[in-house]
Amino acid sequence: MRRIARLMTGSALVIASTGLGSAASFAGDSGSLEIHPSTAEPGDTVTVGTEACGGNGRGTGDARALGAGEFTLSRGTHKELAAGRFTVPDDARPGTHGIGVLCKNGKKARGDVTIRHGGPSGHVRTGVGGSVGPDTTQIAAGTAVIAAAAVGGTLLLRRRASGAQDS
């Protein structure tokens, strides 16, 4: 029992020290990356912006995770904002993909974009009955089945209530 406790404690300490060390090493060198739209489809143009590049406002973006390659960031309309664009390729896989930026000042920024493919368009035959149009033959047959069930149920209940059971 002690052996398992020592193993678990040691594992927890290793995981905690690794996590704390990596967070401290990236503390001053990263920034947030704003991605618009955050959910895109193939063919959409995605705009990326960050303040990590500072007043220089230049950098290189990496969208290779979804097959769009690299793109450039330049000074945006705001003083401290660097912005760039890329187009989602037609063969991009659905899911969440990481987009990274490396600024000329050495700082990095990262964000995620979600790629989804559009659903079917037009009329889809789902097999839901009655969706094509009214069919009087089917309506009459259904009404007859319901009426027969109602008459049969009523006769059965009357027969039981009068005590004329065959047992």
Protein backbone atom coordinates (compact mmCIF):
# COMPACT_ATOMS: atom_id res chain seq x y z
CA MET A 1 0.00 0.00 0.00
CA ARG A 2 2.84 2.38 0.85
CA ARG A 3 4.50 1.61 -2.44
CA ILE A 4 1.43 2.77 -4.39
CA ALA A 5 1.14 5.92 -2.27
CA ARG A 6 4.81 6.80 -2.90
CA LEU A 7 4.42 6.18 -6.62
CA MET A 8 1.32 8.41 -6.81
CA THR A 9 2.95 11.16 -4.74
CA GLY A 10 6.09 11.10 -6.88
CA SER A 11 4.06 11.23 -10.08
CA ALA A 12 2.01 14.16 -8.80
CA LEU A 13 5.18 16.09 -7.87
CA VAL A 14 6.75 15.50 -11.29
CA ILE A 15 3.60 16.64 -13.09
CA ALA A 16 3.23 19.72 -10.89
CA SER A 17 6.87 20.79 -11.26
CA THR A 18 6.81 20.31 -15.03
CA GLY A 19 3.64 22.38 -15.37
CA LEU A 20 4.93 25.22 -13.20
CA GLY A 21 8.27 25.37 -14.99
CA SER A 22 6.78 25.55 -18.45
CA ALA A 23 4.33 28.27 -17.45
CA ALA A 24 7.15 30.40 -16.08
CA SER A 25 9.30 30.02 -19.20
CA PHE A 26 6.58 31.40 -21.48
CA ALA A 27 5.24 34.06 -19.11
CA GLY A 28 6.56 37.17 -20.88
CA ASP A 29 6.83 35.91 -24.44
CA SER A 30 3.25 35.12 -25.41
CA GLY A 31 0.06 36.99 -26.08
CA SER A 32 -3.48 36.30 -27.10
CA LEU A 33 -4.56 35.88 -30.69
CA GLU A 34 -7.96 37.13 -31.75
CA ILE A 35 -9.45 35.11 -34.61
CA HIS A 36 -12.54 36.21 -36.51
CA PRO A 37 -14.62 34.26 -37.29
CA SER A 38 -13.65 31.69 -34.70
CA THR A 39 -15.73 29.08 -36.57
CA ALA A 40 -15.19 28.98 -40.32
CA GLU A 41 -15.96 26.85 -43.36
CA PRO A 42 -13.72 26.02 -46.33
CA GLY A 43 -13.40 29.07 -48.57
CA ASP A 44 -13.90 31.58 -45.73
CA THR A 45 -11.37 34.35 -45.11
CA VAL A 46 -10.19 34.40 -41.50
CA THR A 47 -8.76 37.57 -39.92
CA VAL A 48 -6.15 37.27 -37.18
CA GLY A 49 -5.11 40.05 -34.80
CA THR A 50 -2.78 40.41 -31.81
CA GLU A 51 -1.22 43.08 -29.63
CA ALA A 52 1.81 40.88 -28.89
CA CYS A 53 3.77 42.43 -31.80
CA GLY A 54 3.69 45.88 -30.18
CA GLY A 55 4.28 49.13 -32.03
CA ASN A 56 6.28 47.42 -34.82
CA GLY A 57 3.18 45.45 -35.76
CA ARG A 58 4.91 42.91 -37.99
CA GLY A 59 5.09 39.15 -37.86
CA THR A 60 4.46 35.82 -39.54
CA GLY A 61 1.43 33.66 -38.97
CA ASP A 62 1.29 29.88 -39.22
CA ALA A 63 -1.94 28.23 -40.39
CA ARG A 64 -0.28 25.05 -41.69
CA ALA A 65 -2.28 22.96 -39.21
CA LEU A 66 -5.29 23.34 -41.48
CA GLY A 67 -3.37 23.51 -44.75
CA ALA A 68 -3.44 27.28 -45.31
CA GLY A 69 0.34 27.77 -44.95
CA GLU A 70 2.00 30.91 -43.63
CA PHE A 71 0.64 34.46 -43.80
CA THR A 72 2.05 37.87 -42.92
CA LEU A 73 0.91 40.24 -40.20
CA SER A 74 1.30 43.97 -40.58
CA ARG A 75 0.32 47.02 -38.55
CA GLY A 76 -3.44 47.13 -38.21
CA THR A 77 -5.84 50.05 -37.93
CA HIS A 78 -5.17 50.34 -34.19
CA LYS A 79 -1.82 51.56 -32.91
CA GLU A 80 -0.69 48.38 -31.13
CA LEU A 81 -2.49 45.79 -33.28
CA ALA A 82 -0.93 43.55 -35.91
CA ALA A 83 -3.36 41.89 -38.29
CA GLY A 84 -3.26 39.28 -41.04
CA ARG A 85 -5.56 37.11 -43.12
CA PHE A 86 -5.68 33.65 -44.58
CA THR A 87 -8.25 31.62 -46.52
CA VAL A 88 -9.43 28.25 -45.26
CA PRO A 89 -8.59 25.69 -47.96
CA ASP A 90 -11.30 23.50 -49.47
CA ASP A 91 -9.68 20.31 -48.14
CA ALA A 92 -9.39 21.51 -44.52
CA ARG A 93 -10.40 18.84 -42.01
CA PRO A 94 -13.26 19.63 -39.64
CA GLY A 95 -12.26 20.27 -36.03
CA THR A 96 -10.26 22.73 -33.94
CA HIS A 97 -6.88 23.81 -35.29
CA GLY A 98 -4.17 25.90 -33.64
CA ILE A 99 -3.00 29.11 -35.32
CA GLY A 100 0.30 30.62 -34.22
CA VAL A 101 2.01 33.97 -34.75
CA LEU A 102 5.68 34.86 -34.33
CA CYS A 103 6.24 38.62 -34.12
CA LYS A 104 9.40 40.40 -35.28
CA ASN A 105 10.00 41.42 -31.63
CA GLY A 106 10.26 37.71 -30.69
CA LYS A 107 6.90 37.40 -28.95
CA LYS A 108 4.42 34.66 -29.81
CA ALA A 109 0.65 34.47 -29.83
CA ARG A 110 -1.65 31.51 -30.29
CA GLY A 111 -5.34 30.92 -30.85
CA ASP A 112 -7.74 28.30 -32.17
CA VAL A 113 -10.06 28.25 -35.16
CA THR A 114 -12.80 25.65 -35.58
CA ILE A 115 -13.47 24.35 -39.07
CA ARG A 116 -16.86 22.93 -39.90
CA HIS A 117 -18.31 21.79 -43.16
CA GLY A 118 -21.77 22.94 -44.20
CA GLY A 119 -24.64 20.49 -44.02
CA PRO A 120 -26.73 19.35 -46.92
CA SER A 121 -28.62 21.97 -48.88
CA GLY A 122 -31.93 21.62 -50.65
CA HIS A 123 -34.72 19.13 -50.02
CA VAL A 124 -33.61 16.05 -48.14
CA ARG A 125 -35.81 12.96 -48.27
CA THR A 126 -35.77 11.80 -44.68
CA GLY A 127 -38.47 9.17 -44.91
CA VAL A 128 -40.92 10.97 -42.62
CA GLY A 129 -44.39 9.75 -43.55
CA GLY A 130 -46.82 12.26 -44.96
CA SER A 131 -44.15 14.72 -45.95
CA VAL A 132 -44.86 14.32 -49.66
CA GLY A 133 -48.55 15.12 -49.65
CA PRO A 134 -51.97 13.90 -48.45
CA ASP A 135 -53.00 10.40 -49.56
CA THR A 136 -56.74 9.82 -49.02
CA THR A 137 -56.42 6.02 -49.31
CA GLN A 138 -53.91 5.87 -46.45
CA ILE A 139 -56.00 8.27 -44.36
CA ALA A 140 -59.12 6.12 -44.85
CA ALA A 141 -57.23 2.91 -44.00
CA GLY A 142 -55.80 4.46 -40.83
CA THR A 143 -59.20 5.73 -39.76
CA ALA A 144 -60.71 2.25 -40.29
CA VAL A 145 -57.99 0.62 -38.15
CA ILE A 146 -58.54 3.12 -35.32
CA ALA A 147 -62.34 2.68 -35.50
CA ALA A 148 -62.04 -1.14 -35.42
CA ALA A 149 -59.76 -0.92 -32.38
CA ALA A 150 -62.19 1.39 -30.60
CA VAL A 151 -65.20 -0.87 -31.32
CA GLY A 152 -63.30 -3.99 -30.25
CA GLY A 153 -62.12 -2.36 -27.03
CA THR A 154 -65.63 -1.16 -26.19
CA LEU A 155 -67.13 -4.63 -26.75
CA LEU A 156 -64.44 -6.26 -24.61
CA LEU A 157 -65.03 -3.84 -21.74
CA ARG A 158 -68.84 -4.23 -21.88
CA ARG A 159 -68.53 -8.00 -21.87
CA ARG A 160 -66.27 -7.95 -18.79
CA ALA A 161 -68.52 -5.49 -16.99
CA SER A 162 -71.58 -7.71 -17.45
CA GLY A 163 -69.77 -10.76 -16.08
CA ALA A 164 -70.24 -12.90 -19.23
CA GLN A 165 -66.70 -14.19 -19.39
CA ASP A 166 -65.89 -17.69 -20.64
CA SER A 167 -63.76 -19.02 -17.76
